[in-house]
Amino acid sequence: MKLEEGQIWKLEKGFVLIVVWERLAIEYQELVSADATEGEIHRVTKKEFCRLIKHGEMVGVRSDDVPAPAEGE
């Protein structure tokens, strides 16, 4: 499966939304539910992100409402 911006993954501890997809890094937002719009944004390598979602399940894709990361984050 290809990783893309806007994908929502269900994990044991909640949900993550891919905010920015780059060649070597991913910015994702932690969410309490698949419909949530607020959460902490993290930047990790693709390898770290793949380990994070290894046992997760993709539950959907957001297209228009992917939040932009705040300046300086």
Protein backbone atom coordinates (compact mmCIF):
# COMPACT_ATOMS: atom_id res chain seq x y z
CA MET A 1 0.00 0.00 0.00
CA LYS A 2 1.23 3.51 -0.82
CA LEU A 3 1.35 6.12 1.90
CA GLU A 4 -0.36 9.38 0.93
CA GLU A 5 -1.36 12.63 2.58
CA GLY A 6 -4.79 12.46 4.16
CA GLN A 7 -4.73 8.77 5.09
CA ILE A 8 -6.12 7.94 8.53
CA TRP A 9 -4.72 4.91 10.35
CA LYS A 10 -6.29 3.23 13.39
CA LEU A 11 -3.75 2.14 15.98
CA GLU A 12 -4.09 0.53 19.41
CA LYS A 13 -3.85 3.93 21.13
CA GLY A 14 -5.94 6.03 18.73
CA PHE A 15 -5.67 7.34 15.19
CA VAL A 16 -3.01 9.06 13.09
CA LEU A 17 -3.51 11.28 10.05
CA ILE A 18 -0.74 11.77 7.48
CA VAL A 19 -0.43 15.54 7.13
CA VAL A 20 2.74 15.87 5.01
CA TRP A 21 4.31 13.11 2.96
CA GLU A 22 7.89 13.63 1.80
CA ARG A 23 10.48 11.38 0.25
CA LEU A 24 12.24 10.59 3.55
CA ALA A 25 9.94 11.98 6.24
CA ILE A 26 6.31 12.04 7.30
CA GLU A 27 4.41 14.54 9.42
CA TYR A 28 1.43 12.97 11.14
CA GLN A 29 -1.21 14.19 13.53
CA GLU A 30 -2.35 12.14 16.52
CA LEU A 31 -6.15 12.03 16.77
CA VAL A 32 -8.53 10.69 19.42
CA SER A 33 -11.05 9.62 16.76
CA ALA A 34 -11.16 9.34 12.97
CA ASP A 35 -13.41 12.42 12.82
CA ALA A 36 -11.28 14.61 15.11
CA THR A 37 -9.60 17.70 13.69
CA GLU A 38 -7.21 18.63 16.51
CA GLY A 39 -4.16 16.80 17.73
CA GLU A 40 -0.43 16.98 18.19
CA ILE A 41 1.72 16.93 15.02
CA HIS A 42 4.90 14.83 14.88
CA ARG A 43 7.67 14.58 12.26
CA VAL A 44 9.39 11.20 11.84
CA THR A 45 11.27 9.27 9.18
CA LYS A 46 9.29 7.02 6.87
CA LYS A 47 10.89 4.00 8.49
CA GLU A 48 9.73 5.12 11.96
CA PHE A 49 6.22 5.79 10.64
CA CYS A 50 6.00 2.37 9.01
CA ARG A 51 6.97 0.78 12.32
CA LEU A 52 4.28 2.85 14.04
CA ILE A 53 1.50 1.68 11.71
CA LYS A 54 2.81 -1.88 11.25
CA HIS A 55 -0.14 -3.40 13.12
CA GLY A 56 -2.56 -0.60 12.28
CA GLU A 57 -5.37 -0.47 9.76
CA MET A 58 -6.13 2.29 7.28
CA VAL A 59 -9.69 3.46 7.91
CA GLY A 60 -10.12 6.32 5.48
CA VAL A 61 -8.75 9.25 3.53
CA ARG A 62 -9.38 12.95 4.01
CA SER A 63 -8.91 15.00 0.90
CA ASP A 64 -9.84 18.65 1.42
CA ASP A 65 -9.60 19.09 5.17
CA VAL A 66 -6.02 17.97 5.84
CA PRO A 67 -4.72 20.58 8.27
CA ALA A 68 -1.56 22.44 7.34
CA PRO A 69 1.22 22.26 9.92
CA ALA A 70 1.73 25.42 11.96
CA GLU A 71 4.74 27.61 11.18
CA GLY A 72 7.82 26.57 13.06
CA GLU A 73 6.74 22.98 13.67
